[in-house]
Amino acid sequence: MMSVLTMRLLRILGTALTIATGIVGIVGQSAHAVELRDGTLWFDRAPRLVAATTTFDNVDAWGATYYFTINLPPKAGEPLKRVVINQIEGLDDIEYQLKDTSAFEGMPRSKGKKVTLGEVTINQEKRTISVTFDPPVQPGTTVTVGLVPVRNPLTDGVYLFGVTTFPAGEERRNGLYLGVGRLQFYRRF
């Protein structure tokens, strides 16, 4: 016959084994997106804004492209459906040639495969451009979005752009804000 102490120890060990098995099961599963109570999905591992660059940094220059590079980690859990870029600082409102918006895998100096775009829209009042990927960008990909301005701003200085990403799927109410991309424009004589 087992003592009361032995029975309690066995129960404790059994509980610990059950918890350990559950943890191993969770860790061993592939990554899935985090789902909130309202059904909204979030990335399991957050994308990261890698860089923001421009091909020309002179004020009033024509033919520039502004590149925003985002890394979607392999364990993101969801593909990347949309990126919203918002000019949050800079004296001049920059106008864009939406039809020339592009995207590709990799970085501006090492362009990879072209990424197909769906809808590209602008909200001049809010100073935002929304770029939709069709199909969505898969986890484990670094993607660069290229925006083509009509011309660079007339006023020199720092221009800041907030970058927000949205996972693939149906109703997505909230994006994931990645941070600020910084472009500097100079007046050279």
Protein backbone atom coordinates (compact mmCIF):
# COMPACT_ATOMS: atom_id res chain seq x y z
CA MET A 1 0.00 0.00 0.00
CA MET A 2 1.29 3.46 -0.93
CA SER A 3 1.64 6.18 1.59
CA VAL A 4 -0.23 9.46 1.24
CA LEU A 5 3.07 11.25 0.61
CA THR A 6 3.98 8.88 -2.23
CA MET A 7 0.56 9.38 -3.85
CA ARG A 8 0.93 13.16 -3.66
CA LEU A 9 4.39 12.97 -5.23
CA LEU A 10 3.05 10.81 -8.05
CA ARG A 11 0.24 13.31 -8.72
CA ILE A 12 2.74 16.19 -8.77
CA LEU A 13 5.02 14.29 -11.16
CA GLY A 14 2.04 13.39 -13.34
CA THR A 15 0.96 17.04 -13.51
CA ALA A 16 4.50 18.15 -14.31
CA LEU A 17 4.73 15.52 -17.06
CA THR A 18 1.42 16.67 -18.56
CA ILE A 19 2.58 20.30 -18.57
CA ALA A 20 5.96 19.36 -20.10
CA THR A 21 4.24 17.30 -22.81
CA GLY A 22 1.97 20.26 -23.63
CA ILE A 23 4.93 22.62 -23.89
CA VAL A 24 6.83 20.24 -26.17
CA GLY A 25 3.71 19.89 -28.31
CA ILE A 26 3.34 23.66 -28.64
CA VAL A 27 7.02 24.22 -29.42
CA GLY A 28 7.05 21.39 -31.94
CA GLN A 29 4.14 22.76 -33.96
CA SER A 30 4.67 24.94 -37.01
CA ALA A 31 4.12 28.67 -36.60
CA HIS A 32 0.56 29.96 -36.83
CA ALA A 33 -0.73 33.47 -36.63
CA VAL A 34 -1.98 34.78 -33.33
CA GLU A 35 -5.77 35.13 -33.35
CA LEU A 36 -7.43 37.70 -31.09
CA ARG A 37 -10.88 37.27 -29.52
CA ASP A 38 -12.49 39.37 -32.26
CA GLY A 39 -11.06 37.06 -34.95
CA THR A 40 -8.35 39.47 -36.08
CA LEU A 41 -5.10 37.71 -36.97
CA TRP A 42 -1.66 39.06 -36.10
CA PHE A 43 1.75 37.91 -37.20
CA ASP A 44 3.24 35.29 -34.90
CA ARG A 45 6.69 36.82 -35.51
CA ALA A 46 6.65 40.49 -36.46
CA PRO A 47 7.92 41.72 -39.81
CA ARG A 48 10.79 44.20 -39.58
CA LEU A 49 11.47 47.42 -41.47
CA VAL A 50 15.02 46.87 -42.73
CA ALA A 51 15.71 50.10 -44.63
CA ALA A 52 14.32 53.16 -46.37
CA THR A 53 16.44 54.64 -49.17
CA THR A 54 16.16 56.91 -52.18
CA THR A 55 17.98 56.75 -55.51
CA PHE A 56 18.37 60.57 -55.61
CA ASP A 57 18.57 62.81 -52.54
CA ASN A 58 18.67 66.24 -54.23
CA VAL A 59 15.65 68.48 -53.73
CA ASP A 60 13.45 68.92 -56.80
CA ALA A 61 15.12 65.94 -58.55
CA TRP A 62 13.18 63.95 -61.14
CA GLY A 63 13.38 60.19 -61.62
CA ALA A 64 13.91 59.12 -58.01
CA THR A 65 12.54 55.95 -56.42
CA TYR A 66 11.94 55.60 -52.68
CA TYR A 67 12.57 52.06 -51.47
CA PHE A 68 11.09 50.55 -48.29
CA THR A 69 12.50 47.10 -47.45
CA ILE A 70 10.63 44.74 -45.10
CA ASN A 71 11.73 41.36 -43.80
CA LEU A 72 8.98 38.82 -43.12
CA PRO A 73 10.54 36.14 -40.86
CA PRO A 74 10.14 32.43 -41.68
CA LYS A 75 7.97 31.92 -38.58
CA ALA A 76 5.70 34.92 -39.22
CA GLY A 77 2.70 32.59 -39.25
CA GLU A 78 0.85 34.58 -41.93
CA PRO A 79 1.77 35.95 -45.36
CA LEU A 80 2.08 39.73 -45.86
CA LYS A 81 -0.92 41.11 -47.75
CA ARG A 82 -0.54 44.88 -47.58
CA VAL A 83 1.86 47.67 -46.64
CA VAL A 84 0.76 51.22 -45.83
CA ILE A 85 3.38 53.98 -46.02
CA ASN A 86 2.47 57.27 -44.37
CA GLN A 87 4.45 60.51 -44.69
CA ILE A 88 4.47 61.71 -41.09
CA GLU A 89 7.06 64.47 -41.31
CA GLY A 90 8.46 66.75 -43.98
CA LEU A 91 7.44 70.23 -45.08
CA ASP A 92 6.28 69.34 -48.60
CA ASP A 93 3.56 66.84 -49.46
CA ILE A 94 5.12 64.40 -51.91
CA GLU A 95 3.08 63.39 -54.96
CA TYR A 96 3.53 59.93 -56.49
CA GLN A 97 3.12 58.20 -59.83
CA LEU A 98 1.08 55.26 -58.54
CA LYS A 99 1.23 53.35 -61.84
CA ASP A 100 5.03 53.12 -61.44
CA THR A 101 4.89 51.51 -57.96
CA SER A 102 6.85 48.26 -57.89
CA ALA A 103 7.94 45.49 -55.53
CA PHE A 104 10.57 42.77 -55.63
CA GLU A 105 12.21 40.22 -53.38
CA GLY A 106 15.52 41.28 -51.86
CA MET A 107 17.18 44.67 -51.40
CA PRO A 108 17.53 47.59 -53.86
CA ARG A 109 21.16 46.67 -54.66
CA SER A 110 20.38 42.96 -55.03
CA LYS A 111 16.95 42.78 -56.65
CA GLY A 112 15.36 39.38 -56.84
CA LYS A 113 12.13 38.11 -58.31
CA LYS A 114 9.43 40.68 -59.11
CA VAL A 115 6.49 40.67 -56.68
CA THR A 116 3.07 41.09 -58.27
CA LEU A 117 0.99 43.97 -56.96
CA GLY A 118 -2.76 44.21 -56.64
CA GLU A 119 -4.38 47.52 -55.75
CA VAL A 120 -2.20 50.58 -55.07
CA THR A 121 -4.10 53.53 -53.61
CA ILE A 122 -3.31 56.93 -52.18
CA ASN A 123 -5.03 59.14 -49.62
CA GLN A 124 -3.60 62.62 -50.19
CA GLU A 125 -5.34 64.04 -47.12
CA LYS A 126 -3.74 61.47 -44.80
CA ARG A 127 -0.48 61.35 -46.83
CA THR A 128 -0.65 57.55 -47.15
CA ILE A 129 -0.05 55.03 -49.90
CA SER A 130 -1.44 51.51 -49.58
CA VAL A 131 0.27 48.73 -51.57
CA THR A 132 -1.45 45.33 -51.81
CA PHE A 133 0.48 42.20 -52.82
CA ASP A 134 -1.33 39.73 -55.10
CA PRO A 135 -0.57 37.02 -54.15
CA PRO A 136 0.57 37.82 -50.59
CA VAL A 137 4.29 37.67 -49.76
CA GLN A 138 5.17 34.41 -48.04
CA PRO A 139 7.02 34.16 -44.69
CA GLY A 140 10.79 33.94 -45.02
CA THR A 141 10.91 36.69 -47.67
CA THR A 142 12.55 40.10 -47.75
CA VAL A 143 10.46 42.36 -49.95
CA THR A 144 11.14 45.91 -51.17
CA VAL A 145 8.42 48.34 -52.25
CA GLY A 146 9.46 51.07 -54.68
CA LEU A 147 7.47 54.33 -54.73
CA VAL A 148 8.09 56.77 -57.57
CA PRO A 149 7.48 60.44 -56.73
CA VAL A 150 6.55 62.93 -59.43
CA ARG A 151 9.69 64.69 -58.16
CA ASN A 152 11.56 65.04 -54.89
CA PRO A 153 10.35 67.68 -52.42
CA LEU A 154 11.27 71.31 -53.09
CA THR A 155 12.22 71.87 -49.46
CA ASP A 156 15.34 70.20 -48.08
CA GLY A 157 15.40 68.34 -44.78
CA VAL A 158 14.31 65.11 -43.16
CA TYR A 159 11.17 63.34 -44.36
CA LEU A 160 9.79 60.55 -42.17
CA PHE A 161 7.51 57.72 -43.30
CA GLY A 162 5.60 55.40 -40.98
CA VAL A 163 5.36 51.82 -42.27
CA THR A 164 2.47 49.54 -41.27
CA THR A 165 1.94 45.92 -42.40
CA PHE A 166 -1.19 43.79 -42.62
CA PRO A 167 -1.34 39.96 -42.71
CA ALA A 168 -3.30 38.06 -45.37
CA GLY A 169 -6.86 37.00 -44.75
CA GLU A 170 -10.32 38.42 -44.57
CA GLU A 171 -11.33 41.20 -42.17
CA ARG A 172 -8.19 42.86 -40.85
CA ARG A 173 -8.96 45.81 -38.62
CA ASN A 174 -5.49 46.61 -37.29
CA GLY A 175 -2.10 46.69 -38.90
CA LEU A 176 1.27 46.18 -37.26
CA TYR A 177 3.29 49.42 -37.16
CA LEU A 178 6.93 48.64 -37.95
CA GLY A 179 8.45 52.05 -37.33
CA VAL A 180 9.79 54.97 -39.29
CA GLY A 181 11.75 55.12 -42.53
CA ARG A 182 13.89 58.25 -42.84
CA LEU A 183 14.82 60.01 -46.09
CA GLN A 184 17.05 63.11 -46.15
CA PHE A 185 16.94 65.56 -49.06
CA TYR A 186 19.67 68.14 -49.70
CA ARG A 187 19.91 71.44 -51.54
CA ARG A 188 23.23 71.44 -53.39
CA PHE A 189 24.53 74.46 -55.30
